Full PDB file with SEQRES, HELIX, SHEET, SSBOND, CRYST1, ORIGX, SCALE, CONECT and MASTER records, all heavy atoms in Angstrom:
SEQRES   1 A   39  TYR GLY GLU MET GLU TRP LEU GLY HIS HIS LEU THR PHE          
SEQRES   2 A   39  ILE ASP THR GLY GLY TYR ILE PRO GLU ASP VAL ASP ILE          
SEQRES   3 A   39  PHE ASN LYS ALA VAL ARG GLN GLN ALA GLN SER ALA ILE          
HELIX    1 AA1 ILE A   26  ALA A   38  1                                  13    
SHEET    1 AA1 2 GLY A   2  TRP A   6  0                                        
SHEET    2 AA1 2 HIS A   9  PHE A  13 -1                                        
CRYST1    1.000    1.000    1.000  90.00  90.00  90.00 P 1           1          
ORIGX1      1.000000  0.000000  0.000000        0.00000                         
ORIGX2      0.000000  1.000000  0.000000        0.00000                         
ORIGX3      0.000000  0.000000  1.000000        0.00000                         
SCALE1      1.000000  0.000000  0.000000        0.00000                         
SCALE2      0.000000  1.000000  0.000000        0.00000                         
SCALE3      0.000000  0.000000  1.000000        0.00000                         
ATOM      1  N   TYR A   1     128.889  42.742 -56.387  1.00  0.00           N  
ATOM      2  CA  TYR A   1     128.022  41.599 -56.621  1.00  0.00           C  
ATOM      3  C   TYR A   1     128.004  40.709 -55.385  1.00  0.00           C  
ATOM      4  O   TYR A   1     128.893  40.754 -54.528  1.00  0.00           O  
ATOM      5  CB  TYR A   1     128.468  40.793 -57.849  1.00  0.00           C  
ATOM      6  CG  TYR A   1     129.574  39.838 -57.545  1.00  0.00           C  
ATOM      7  CD1 TYR A   1     129.310  38.500 -57.319  1.00  0.00           C  
ATOM      8  CD2 TYR A   1     130.882  40.281 -57.443  1.00  0.00           C  
ATOM      9  CE1 TYR A   1     130.317  37.633 -56.998  1.00  0.00           C  
ATOM     10  CE2 TYR A   1     131.886  39.425 -57.106  1.00  0.00           C  
ATOM     11  CZ  TYR A   1     131.602  38.089 -56.897  1.00  0.00           C  
ATOM     12  OH  TYR A   1     132.597  37.235 -56.558  1.00  0.00           O  
ATOM     13  N   GLY A   2     126.987  39.887 -55.265  1.00  0.00           N  
ATOM     14  CA  GLY A   2     126.906  38.937 -54.159  1.00  0.00           C  
ATOM     15  C   GLY A   2     125.834  37.910 -54.433  1.00  0.00           C  
ATOM     16  O   GLY A   2     124.935  38.107 -55.259  1.00  0.00           O  
ATOM     17  N   GLU A   3     125.922  36.777 -53.768  1.00  0.00           N  
ATOM     18  CA  GLU A   3     124.973  35.688 -53.954  1.00  0.00           C  
ATOM     19  C   GLU A   3     124.117  35.504 -52.718  1.00  0.00           C  
ATOM     20  O   GLU A   3     124.558  35.711 -51.583  1.00  0.00           O  
ATOM     21  CB  GLU A   3     125.702  34.373 -54.256  1.00  0.00           C  
ATOM     22  CG  GLU A   3     126.395  34.326 -55.601  1.00  0.00           C  
ATOM     23  CD  GLU A   3     127.783  34.915 -55.578  1.00  0.00           C  
ATOM     24  OE1 GLU A   3     128.385  34.932 -54.485  1.00  0.00           O  
ATOM     25  OE2 GLU A   3     128.280  35.362 -56.623  1.00  0.00           O  
ATOM     26  N   MET A   4     122.864  35.088 -52.924  1.00  0.00           N  
ATOM     27  CA  MET A   4     121.984  34.714 -51.835  1.00  0.00           C  
ATOM     28  C   MET A   4     121.093  33.571 -52.285  1.00  0.00           C  
ATOM     29  O   MET A   4     121.035  33.248 -53.486  1.00  0.00           O  
ATOM     30  CB  MET A   4     121.152  35.912 -51.359  1.00  0.00           C  
ATOM     31  CG  MET A   4     120.252  36.539 -52.402  1.00  0.00           C  
ATOM     32  SD  MET A   4     118.573  35.804 -52.428  1.00  0.00           S  
ATOM     33  CE  MET A   4     117.959  36.340 -50.828  1.00  0.00           C  
ATOM     34  N   GLU A   5     120.397  32.956 -51.338  1.00  0.00           N  
ATOM     35  CA  GLU A   5     119.534  31.817 -51.631  1.00  0.00           C  
ATOM     36  C   GLU A   5     118.109  32.128 -51.200  1.00  0.00           C  
ATOM     37  O   GLU A   5     117.875  32.689 -50.127  1.00  0.00           O  
ATOM     38  CB  GLU A   5     120.038  30.563 -50.922  1.00  0.00           C  
ATOM     39  CG  GLU A   5     119.210  29.312 -51.180  1.00  0.00           C  
ATOM     40  CD  GLU A   5     119.705  28.103 -50.412  1.00  0.00           C  
ATOM     41  OE1 GLU A   5     120.853  28.153 -49.925  1.00  0.00           O  
ATOM     42  OE2 GLU A   5     118.954  27.124 -50.281  1.00  0.00           O  
ATOM     43  N   TRP A   6     117.149  31.773 -52.046  1.00  0.00           N  
ATOM     44  CA  TRP A   6     115.744  31.928 -51.703  1.00  0.00           C  
ATOM     45  C   TRP A   6     114.990  30.700 -52.191  1.00  0.00           C  
ATOM     46  O   TRP A   6     115.011  30.375 -53.370  1.00  0.00           O  
ATOM     47  CB  TRP A   6     115.161  33.195 -52.345  1.00  0.00           C  
ATOM     48  CG  TRP A   6     113.740  33.479 -51.958  1.00  0.00           C  
ATOM     49  CD1 TRP A   6     112.633  33.396 -52.747  1.00  0.00           C  
ATOM     50  CD2 TRP A   6     113.266  33.904 -50.681  1.00  0.00           C  
ATOM     51  NE1 TRP A   6     111.497  33.739 -52.063  1.00  0.00           N  
ATOM     52  CE2 TRP A   6     111.848  34.060 -50.772  1.00  0.00           C  
ATOM     53  CE3 TRP A   6     113.881  34.168 -49.452  1.00  0.00           C  
ATOM     54  CZ2 TRP A   6     111.070  34.471 -49.693  1.00  0.00           C  
ATOM     55  CZ3 TRP A   6     113.093  34.579 -48.371  1.00  0.00           C  
ATOM     56  CH2 TRP A   6     111.705  34.728 -48.518  1.00  0.00           C  
ATOM     57  N   LEU A   7     114.383  29.984 -51.249  1.00  0.00           N  
ATOM     58  CA  LEU A   7     113.633  28.759 -51.536  1.00  0.00           C  
ATOM     59  C   LEU A   7     114.467  27.744 -52.303  1.00  0.00           C  
ATOM     60  O   LEU A   7     113.991  27.058 -53.214  1.00  0.00           O  
ATOM     61  CB  LEU A   7     112.345  29.085 -52.308  1.00  0.00           C  
ATOM     62  CG  LEU A   7     111.364  30.036 -51.598  1.00  0.00           C  
ATOM     63  CD1 LEU A   7     110.127  30.268 -52.462  1.00  0.00           C  
ATOM     64  CD2 LEU A   7     110.965  29.479 -50.239  1.00  0.00           C  
ATOM     65  N   GLY A   8     115.749  27.666 -51.950  1.00  0.00           N  
ATOM     66  CA  GLY A   8     116.639  26.695 -52.561  1.00  0.00           C  
ATOM     67  C   GLY A   8     117.293  27.145 -53.847  1.00  0.00           C  
ATOM     68  O   GLY A   8     118.151  26.442 -54.383  1.00  0.00           O  
ATOM     69  N   HIS A   9     116.895  28.297 -54.367  1.00  0.00           N  
ATOM     70  CA  HIS A   9     117.457  28.811 -55.606  1.00  0.00           C  
ATOM     71  C   HIS A   9     118.520  29.871 -55.293  1.00  0.00           C  
ATOM     72  O   HIS A   9     118.294  30.777 -54.489  1.00  0.00           O  
ATOM     73  CB  HIS A   9     116.367  29.423 -56.489  1.00  0.00           C  
ATOM     74  CG  HIS A   9     115.342  28.449 -56.950  1.00  0.00           C  
ATOM     75  ND1 HIS A   9     115.546  27.588 -58.015  1.00  0.00           N  
ATOM     76  CD2 HIS A   9     114.097  28.162 -56.475  1.00  0.00           C  
ATOM     77  CE1 HIS A   9     114.475  26.840 -58.192  1.00  0.00           C  
ATOM     78  NE2 HIS A   9     113.578  27.165 -57.274  1.00  0.00           N  
ATOM     79  N   HIS A  10     119.670  29.761 -55.945  1.00  0.00           N  
ATOM     80  CA  HIS A  10     120.758  30.701 -55.743  1.00  0.00           C  
ATOM     81  C   HIS A  10     120.670  31.835 -56.760  1.00  0.00           C  
ATOM     82  O   HIS A  10     120.545  31.606 -57.963  1.00  0.00           O  
ATOM     83  CB  HIS A  10     122.108  29.981 -55.853  1.00  0.00           C  
ATOM     84  CG  HIS A  10     122.344  28.995 -54.763  1.00  0.00           C  
ATOM     85  ND1 HIS A  10     122.945  29.324 -53.568  1.00  0.00           N  
ATOM     86  CD2 HIS A  10     122.029  27.675 -54.680  1.00  0.00           C  
ATOM     87  CE1 HIS A  10     123.001  28.253 -52.793  1.00  0.00           C  
ATOM     88  NE2 HIS A  10     122.452  27.240 -53.440  1.00  0.00           N  
ATOM     89  N   LEU A  11     120.746  33.061 -56.256  1.00  0.00           N  
ATOM     90  CA  LEU A  11     120.607  34.249 -57.085  1.00  0.00           C  
ATOM     91  C   LEU A  11     121.829  35.138 -56.920  1.00  0.00           C  
ATOM     92  O   LEU A  11     122.363  35.283 -55.816  1.00  0.00           O  
ATOM     93  CB  LEU A  11     119.353  35.036 -56.697  1.00  0.00           C  
ATOM     94  CG  LEU A  11     118.029  34.261 -56.647  1.00  0.00           C  
ATOM     95  CD1 LEU A  11     116.933  35.139 -56.047  1.00  0.00           C  
ATOM     96  CD2 LEU A  11     117.628  33.769 -58.029  1.00  0.00           C  
ATOM     97  N   THR A  12     122.290  35.748 -58.007  1.00  0.00           N  
ATOM     98  CA  THR A  12     123.387  36.702 -57.972  1.00  0.00           C  
ATOM     99  C   THR A  12     122.832  38.103 -58.181  1.00  0.00           C  
ATOM    100  O   THR A  12     122.202  38.386 -59.199  1.00  0.00           O  
ATOM    101  CB  THR A  12     124.434  36.395 -59.061  1.00  0.00           C  
ATOM    102  OG1 THR A  12     125.036  35.126 -58.803  1.00  0.00           O  
ATOM    103  CG2 THR A  12     125.531  37.461 -59.062  1.00  0.00           C  
ATOM    104  N   PHE A  13     123.054  38.991 -57.193  1.00  0.00           N  
ATOM    105  CA  PHE A  13     122.625  40.376 -57.281  1.00  0.00           C  
ATOM    106  C   PHE A  13     123.818  41.271 -57.600  1.00  0.00           C  
ATOM    107  O   PHE A  13     124.932  41.044 -57.120  1.00  0.00           O  
ATOM    108  CB  PHE A  13     121.998  40.841 -55.965  1.00  0.00           C  
ATOM    109  CG  PHE A  13     120.589  40.349 -55.752  1.00  0.00           C  
ATOM    110  CD1 PHE A  13     120.361  39.138 -55.124  1.00  0.00           C  
ATOM    111  CD2 PHE A  13     119.503  41.098 -56.173  1.00  0.00           C  
ATOM    112  CE1 PHE A  13     119.071  38.676 -54.927  1.00  0.00           C  
ATOM    113  CE2 PHE A  13     118.206  40.650 -55.978  1.00  0.00           C  
ATOM    114  CZ  PHE A  13     117.987  39.437 -55.346  1.00  0.00           C  
ATOM    115  N   ILE A  14     123.582  42.290 -58.402  1.00  0.00           N  
ATOM    116  CA  ILE A  14     124.594  43.296 -58.707  1.00  0.00           C  
ATOM    117  C   ILE A  14     124.072  44.664 -58.301  1.00  0.00           C  
ATOM    118  O   ILE A  14     123.011  45.101 -58.753  1.00  0.00           O  
ATOM    119  CB  ILE A  14     124.972  43.315 -60.194  1.00  0.00           C  
ATOM    120  CG1 ILE A  14     125.508  41.952 -60.634  1.00  0.00           C  
ATOM    121  CG2 ILE A  14     126.028  44.385 -60.453  1.00  0.00           C  
ATOM    122  CD1 ILE A  14     125.796  41.875 -62.124  1.00  0.00           C  
ATOM    123  N   ASP A  15     124.803  45.328 -57.424  1.00  0.00           N  
ATOM    124  CA  ASP A  15     124.488  46.694 -57.019  1.00  0.00           C  
ATOM    125  C   ASP A  15     125.210  47.650 -57.958  1.00  0.00           C  
ATOM    126  O   ASP A  15     126.433  47.571 -58.122  1.00  0.00           O  
ATOM    127  CB  ASP A  15     124.931  46.918 -55.573  1.00  0.00           C  
ATOM    128  CG  ASP A  15     124.571  48.301 -55.049  1.00  0.00           C  
ATOM    129  OD1 ASP A  15     123.635  48.914 -55.594  1.00  0.00           O  
ATOM    130  OD2 ASP A  15     125.232  48.750 -54.095  1.00  0.00           O  
ATOM    131  N   THR A  16     124.484  48.549 -58.581  1.00  0.00           N  
ATOM    132  CA  THR A  16     125.075  49.488 -59.531  1.00  0.00           C  
ATOM    133  C   THR A  16     125.074  50.897 -58.967  1.00  0.00           C  
ATOM    134  O   THR A  16     124.348  51.216 -58.019  1.00  0.00           O  
ATOM    135  CB  THR A  16     124.325  49.488 -60.869  1.00  0.00           C  
ATOM    136  OG1 THR A  16     123.021  50.038 -60.681  1.00  0.00           O  
ATOM    137  CG2 THR A  16     124.217  48.075 -61.427  1.00  0.00           C  
ATOM    138  N   GLY A  17     125.887  51.762 -59.534  1.00  0.00           N  
ATOM    139  CA  GLY A  17     125.911  53.156 -59.133  1.00  0.00           C  
ATOM    140  C   GLY A  17     124.676  53.906 -59.594  1.00  0.00           C  
ATOM    141  O   GLY A  17     123.945  53.469 -60.486  1.00  0.00           O  
ATOM    142  N   GLY A  18     124.428  55.036 -58.955  1.00  0.00           N  
ATOM    143  CA  GLY A  18     123.267  55.838 -59.297  1.00  0.00           C  
ATOM    144  C   GLY A  18     123.299  56.343 -60.729  1.00  0.00           C  
ATOM    145  O   GLY A  18     124.291  56.922 -61.186  1.00  0.00           O  
ATOM    146  N   TYR A  19     122.221  56.139 -61.450  1.00  0.00           N  
ATOM    147  CA  TYR A  19     122.118  56.482 -62.861  1.00  0.00           C  
ATOM    148  C   TYR A  19     121.621  57.918 -63.012  1.00  0.00           C  
ATOM    149  O   TYR A  19     120.519  58.260 -62.572  1.00  0.00           O  
ATOM    150  CB  TYR A  19     121.167  55.500 -63.557  1.00  0.00           C  
ATOM    151  CG  TYR A  19     121.127  55.605 -65.057  1.00  0.00           C  
ATOM    152  CD1 TYR A  19     121.931  54.806 -65.844  1.00  0.00           C  
ATOM    153  CD2 TYR A  19     120.273  56.499 -65.684  1.00  0.00           C  
ATOM    154  CE1 TYR A  19     121.886  54.884 -67.230  1.00  0.00           C  
ATOM    155  CE2 TYR A  19     120.224  56.587 -67.066  1.00  0.00           C  
ATOM    156  CZ  TYR A  19     121.026  55.778 -67.836  1.00  0.00           C  
ATOM    157  OH  TYR A  19     120.978  55.861 -69.196  1.00  0.00           O  
ATOM    158  N   ILE A  20     122.470  58.781 -63.632  1.00  0.00           N  
ATOM    159  CA  ILE A  20     122.103  60.170 -63.867  1.00  0.00           C  
ATOM    160  C   ILE A  20     122.216  60.431 -65.362  1.00  0.00           C  
ATOM    161  O   ILE A  20     123.275  60.798 -65.863  1.00  0.00           O  
ATOM    162  CB  ILE A  20     123.004  61.141 -63.084  1.00  0.00           C  
ATOM    163  CG1 ILE A  20     123.093  60.729 -61.606  1.00  0.00           C  
ATOM    164  CG2 ILE A  20     122.488  62.576 -63.202  1.00  0.00           C  
ATOM    165  CD1 ILE A  20     124.036  61.570 -60.794  1.00  0.00           C  
ATOM    166  N   PRO A  21     121.149  60.246 -66.134  1.00  0.00           N  
ATOM    167  CA  PRO A  21     121.249  60.315 -67.599  1.00  0.00           C  
ATOM    168  C   PRO A  21     121.645  61.684 -68.132  1.00  0.00           C  
ATOM    169  O   PRO A  21     122.293  61.787 -69.161  1.00  0.00           O  
ATOM    170  CB  PRO A  21     119.845  59.920 -68.074  1.00  0.00           C  
ATOM    171  CG  PRO A  21     119.005  59.899 -66.915  1.00  0.00           C  
ATOM    172  CD  PRO A  21     119.804  59.859 -65.684  1.00  0.00           C  
ATOM    173  N   GLU A  22     121.271  62.737 -67.436  1.00  0.00           N  
ATOM    174  CA  GLU A  22     121.516  64.065 -67.973  1.00  0.00           C  
ATOM    175  C   GLU A  22     122.865  64.654 -67.564  1.00  0.00           C  
ATOM    176  O   GLU A  22     123.229  65.740 -68.007  1.00  0.00           O  
ATOM    177  CB  GLU A  22     120.397  65.025 -67.554  1.00  0.00           C  
ATOM    178  CG  GLU A  22     120.340  65.302 -66.034  1.00  0.00           C  
ATOM    179  CD  GLU A  22     119.512  64.279 -65.274  1.00  0.00           C  
ATOM    180  OE1 GLU A  22     119.256  63.222 -65.831  1.00  0.00           O  
ATOM    181  OE2 GLU A  22     119.136  64.553 -64.124  1.00  0.00           O  
ATOM    182  N   ASP A  23     123.604  63.968 -66.718  1.00  0.00           N  
ATOM    183  CA  ASP A  23     124.867  64.490 -66.214  1.00  0.00           C  
ATOM    184  C   ASP A  23     125.993  64.156 -67.188  1.00  0.00           C  
ATOM    185  O   ASP A  23     126.167  63.024 -67.598  1.00  0.00           O  
ATOM    186  CB  ASP A  23     125.178  63.884 -64.834  1.00  0.00           C  
ATOM    187  CG  ASP A  23     126.193  64.700 -64.056  1.00  0.00           C  
ATOM    188  OD1 ASP A  23     127.209  65.092 -64.646  1.00  0.00           O  
ATOM    189  OD2 ASP A  23     125.952  64.945 -62.861  1.00  0.00           O  
ATOM    190  N   VAL A  24     126.786  65.154 -67.539  1.00  0.00           N  
ATOM    191  CA  VAL A  24     127.872  64.945 -68.491  1.00  0.00           C  
ATOM    192  C   VAL A  24     129.209  64.788 -67.798  1.00  0.00           C  
ATOM    193  O   VAL A  24     130.236  64.618 -68.450  1.00  0.00           O  
ATOM    194  CB  VAL A  24     127.951  66.104 -69.506  1.00  0.00           C  
ATOM    195  CG1 VAL A  24     126.700  66.159 -70.367  1.00  0.00           C  
ATOM    196  CG2 VAL A  24     128.182  67.438 -68.793  1.00  0.00           C  
ATOM    197  N   ASP A  25     129.235  64.869 -66.455  1.00  0.00           N  
ATOM    198  CA  ASP A  25     130.467  64.667 -65.704  1.00  0.00           C  
ATOM    199  C   ASP A  25     131.081  63.320 -66.076  1.00  0.00           C  
ATOM    200  O   ASP A  25     130.385  62.307 -66.205  1.00  0.00           O  
ATOM    201  CB  ASP A  25     130.181  64.709 -64.202  1.00  0.00           C  
ATOM    202  CG  ASP A  25     131.406  64.415 -63.365  1.00  0.00           C  
ATOM    203  OD1 ASP A  25     132.222  65.325 -63.183  1.00  0.00           O  
ATOM    204  OD2 ASP A  25     131.550  63.265 -62.933  1.00  0.00           O  
ATOM    205  N   ILE A  26     132.405  63.283 -66.269  1.00  0.00           N  
ATOM    206  CA  ILE A  26     133.057  62.069 -66.759  1.00  0.00           C  
ATOM    207  C   ILE A  26     132.876  60.896 -65.816  1.00  0.00           C  
ATOM    208  O   ILE A  26     132.699  59.756 -66.247  1.00  0.00           O  
ATOM    209  CB  ILE A  26     134.553  62.337 -67.026  1.00  0.00           C  
ATOM    210  CG1 ILE A  26     135.194  61.124 -67.730  1.00  0.00           C  
ATOM    211  CG2 ILE A  26     135.300  62.668 -65.721  1.00  0.00           C  
ATOM    212  CD1 ILE A  26     136.577  61.438 -68.272  1.00  0.00           C  
ATOM    213  N   PHE A  27     132.900  61.164 -64.485  1.00  0.00           N  
ATOM    214  CA  PHE A  27     132.706  60.070 -63.544  1.00  0.00           C  
ATOM    215  C   PHE A  27     131.307  59.498 -63.648  1.00  0.00           C  
ATOM    216  O   PHE A  27     131.112  58.284 -63.732  1.00  0.00           O  
ATOM    217  CB  PHE A  27     132.982  60.538 -62.119  1.00  0.00           C  
ATOM    218  CG  PHE A  27     132.540  59.556 -61.078  1.00  0.00           C  
ATOM    219  CD1 PHE A  27     133.233  58.381 -60.874  1.00  0.00           C  
ATOM    220  CD2 PHE A  27     131.399  59.800 -60.321  1.00  0.00           C  
ATOM    221  CE1 PHE A  27     132.791  57.465 -59.935  1.00  0.00           C  
ATOM    222  CE2 PHE A  27     130.969  58.886 -59.388  1.00  0.00           C  
ATOM    223  CZ  PHE A  27     131.665  57.718 -59.189  1.00  0.00           C  
ATOM    224  N   ASN A  28     130.302  60.385 -63.629  1.00  0.00           N  
ATOM    225  CA  ASN A  28     128.929  59.919 -63.737  1.00  0.00           C  
ATOM    226  C   ASN A  28     128.675  59.227 -65.070  1.00  0.00           C  
ATOM    227  O   ASN A  28     127.840  58.330 -65.164  1.00  0.00           O  
ATOM    228  CB  ASN A  28     127.955  61.078 -63.538  1.00  0.00           C  
ATOM    229  CG  ASN A  28     127.873  61.511 -62.081  1.00  0.00           C  
ATOM    230  OD1 ASN A  28     127.939  60.693 -61.178  1.00  0.00           O  
ATOM    231  ND2 ASN A  28     127.740  62.808 -61.863  1.00  0.00           N  
ATOM    232  N   LYS A  29     129.384  59.643 -66.097  1.00  0.00           N  
ATOM    233  CA  LYS A  29     129.280  58.975 -67.381  1.00  0.00           C  
ATOM    234  C   LYS A  29     129.741  57.532 -67.277  1.00  0.00           C  
ATOM    235  O   LYS A  29     129.107  56.624 -67.821  1.00  0.00           O  
ATOM    236  CB  LYS A  29     130.106  59.717 -68.440  1.00  0.00           C  
ATOM    237  CG  LYS A  29     129.994  59.112 -69.837  1.00  0.00           C  
ATOM    238  CD  LYS A  29     130.822  59.900 -70.844  1.00  0.00           C  
ATOM    239  CE  LYS A  29     130.718  59.274 -72.237  1.00  0.00           C  
ATOM    240  NZ  LYS A  29     131.554  60.021 -73.224  1.00  0.00           N  
ATOM    241  N   ALA A  30     130.840  57.295 -66.548  1.00  0.00           N  
ATOM    242  CA  ALA A  30     131.350  55.938 -66.364  1.00  0.00           C  
ATOM    243  C   ALA A  30     130.361  55.087 -65.569  1.00  0.00           C  
ATOM    244  O   ALA A  30     130.116  53.917 -65.894  1.00  0.00           O  
ATOM    245  CB  ALA A  30     132.700  55.981 -65.654  1.00  0.00           C  
ATOM    246  N   VAL A  31     129.775  55.673 -64.516  1.00  0.00           N  
ATOM    247  CA  VAL A  31     128.775  54.966 -63.733  1.00  0.00           C  
ATOM    248  C   VAL A  31     127.577  54.615 -64.595  1.00  0.00           C  
ATOM    249  O   VAL A  31     127.026  53.507 -64.517  1.00  0.00           O  
ATOM    250  CB  VAL A  31     128.341  55.814 -62.514  1.00  0.00           C  
ATOM    251  CG1 VAL A  31     127.153  55.163 -61.806  1.00  0.00           C  
ATOM    252  CG2 VAL A  31     129.497  55.966 -61.536  1.00  0.00           C  
ATOM    253  N   ARG A  32     127.186  55.567 -65.434  1.00  0.00           N  
ATOM    254  CA  ARG A  32     126.049  55.344 -66.322  1.00  0.00           C  
ATOM    255  C   ARG A  32     126.327  54.196 -67.300  1.00  0.00           C  
ATOM    256  O   ARG A  32     125.458  53.352 -67.544  1.00  0.00           O  
ATOM    257  CB  ARG A  32     125.758  56.647 -67.068  1.00  0.00           C  
ATOM    258  CG  ARG A  32     124.498  56.648 -67.875  1.00  0.00           C  
ATOM    259  CD  ARG A  32     124.047  58.079 -68.200  1.00  0.00           C  
ATOM    260  NE  ARG A  32     125.042  58.797 -68.985  1.00  0.00           N  
ATOM    261  CZ  ARG A  32     125.748  59.835 -68.496  1.00  0.00           C  
ATOM    262  NH1 ARG A  32     125.581  60.230 -67.257  1.00  0.00           N  
ATOM    263  NH2 ARG A  32     126.612  60.471 -69.267  1.00  0.00           N  
ATOM    264  N   GLN A  33     127.526  54.142 -67.825  1.00  0.00           N  
ATOM    265  CA  GLN A  33     127.900  53.071 -68.746  1.00  0.00           C  
ATOM    266  C   GLN A  33     127.864  51.712 -68.056  1.00  0.00           C  
ATOM    267  O   GLN A  33     127.432  50.713 -68.635  1.00  0.00           O  
ATOM    268  CB  GLN A  33     129.280  53.351 -69.328  1.00  0.00           C  
ATOM    269  CG  GLN A  33     129.314  54.497 -70.327  1.00  0.00           C  
ATOM    270  CD  GLN A  33     130.723  54.830 -70.773  1.00  0.00           C  
ATOM    271  OE1 GLN A  33     131.710  54.472 -70.127  1.00  0.00           O  
ATOM    272  NE2 GLN A  33     130.843  55.542 -71.892  1.00  0.00           N  
ATOM    273  N   GLN A  34     128.315  51.676 -66.806  1.00  0.00           N  
ATOM    274  CA  GLN A  34     128.297  50.416 -66.084  1.00  0.00           C  
ATOM    275  C   GLN A  34     126.868  49.980 -65.759  1.00  0.00           C  
ATOM    276  O   GLN A  34     126.557  48.782 -65.782  1.00  0.00           O  
ATOM    277  CB  GLN A  34     129.142  50.516 -64.822  1.00  0.00           C  
ATOM    278  CG  GLN A  34     130.626  50.625 -65.120  1.00  0.00           C  
ATOM    279  CD  GLN A  34     131.496  50.223 -63.964  1.00  0.00           C  
ATOM    280  OE1 GLN A  34     131.016  49.726 -62.959  1.00  0.00           O  
ATOM    281  NE2 GLN A  34     132.791  50.403 -64.103  1.00  0.00           N  
ATOM    282  N   ALA A  35     125.993  50.923 -65.438  1.00  0.00           N  
ATOM    283  CA  ALA A  35     124.594  50.585 -65.215  1.00  0.00           C  
ATOM    284  C   ALA A  35     123.969  50.023 -66.488  1.00  0.00           C  
ATOM    285  O   ALA A  35     123.200  49.061 -66.453  1.00  0.00           O  
ATOM    286  CB  ALA A  35     123.828  51.815 -64.735  1.00  0.00           C  
ATOM    287  N   GLN A  36     124.304  50.612 -67.620  1.00  0.00           N  
ATOM    288  CA  GLN A  36     123.811  50.113 -68.897  1.00  0.00           C  
ATOM    289  C   GLN A  36     124.346  48.718 -69.185  1.00  0.00           C  
ATOM    290  O   GLN A  36     123.626  47.853 -69.690  1.00  0.00           O  
ATOM    291  CB  GLN A  36     124.188  51.090 -70.006  1.00  0.00           C  
ATOM    292  CG  GLN A  36     123.445  52.417 -69.933  1.00  0.00           C  
ATOM    293  CD  GLN A  36     124.030  53.471 -70.841  1.00  0.00           C  
ATOM    294  OE1 GLN A  36     125.132  53.323 -71.369  1.00  0.00           O  
ATOM    295  NE2 GLN A  36     123.299  54.571 -71.036  1.00  0.00           N  
ATOM    296  N   SER A  37     125.607  48.472 -68.850  1.00  0.00           N  
ATOM    297  CA  SER A  37     126.180  47.146 -69.030  1.00  0.00           C  
ATOM    298  C   SER A  37     125.523  46.138 -68.101  1.00  0.00           C  
ATOM    299  O   SER A  37     125.327  44.976 -68.464  1.00  0.00           O  
ATOM    300  CB  SER A  37     127.691  47.176 -68.766  1.00  0.00           C  
ATOM    301  OG  SER A  37     128.360  47.931 -69.739  1.00  0.00           O  
ATOM    302  N   ALA A  38     125.160  46.579 -66.898  1.00  0.00           N  
ATOM    303  CA  ALA A  38     124.467  45.693 -65.957  1.00  0.00           C  
ATOM    304  C   ALA A  38     123.139  45.239 -66.540  1.00  0.00           C  
ATOM    305  O   ALA A  38     122.756  44.071 -66.434  1.00  0.00           O  
ATOM    306  CB  ALA A  38     124.239  46.407 -64.621  1.00  0.00           C  
ATOM    307  N   ILE A  39     122.427  46.160 -67.170  1.00  0.00           N  
ATOM    308  CA  ILE A  39     121.158  45.823 -67.801  1.00  0.00           C  
ATOM    309  C   ILE A  39     121.360  44.794 -68.911  1.00  0.00           C  
ATOM    310  O   ILE A  39     120.596  43.834 -69.046  1.00  0.00           O  
ATOM    311  CB  ILE A  39     120.477  47.093 -68.338  1.00  0.00           C  
ATOM    312  CG1 ILE A  39     120.032  47.974 -67.174  1.00  0.00           C  
ATOM    313  CG2 ILE A  39     119.299  46.749 -69.248  1.00  0.00           C  
ATOM    314  CD1 ILE A  39     119.516  49.339 -67.581  1.00  0.00           C  
TER     315      ILE A  39                                                      
MASTER        0    0    0    1    2    0    0    6  314    1    0    3          
END                                                                             
């Protein structure tokens, strides 16, 4: 996560891992869950 300013307004951006819905690999599953939580 990180913060930036645009026209005086402060915004927090979150970079998420690549979303692979069809992948059943346990790691990609965890990344997918975190992307869903980000949403």
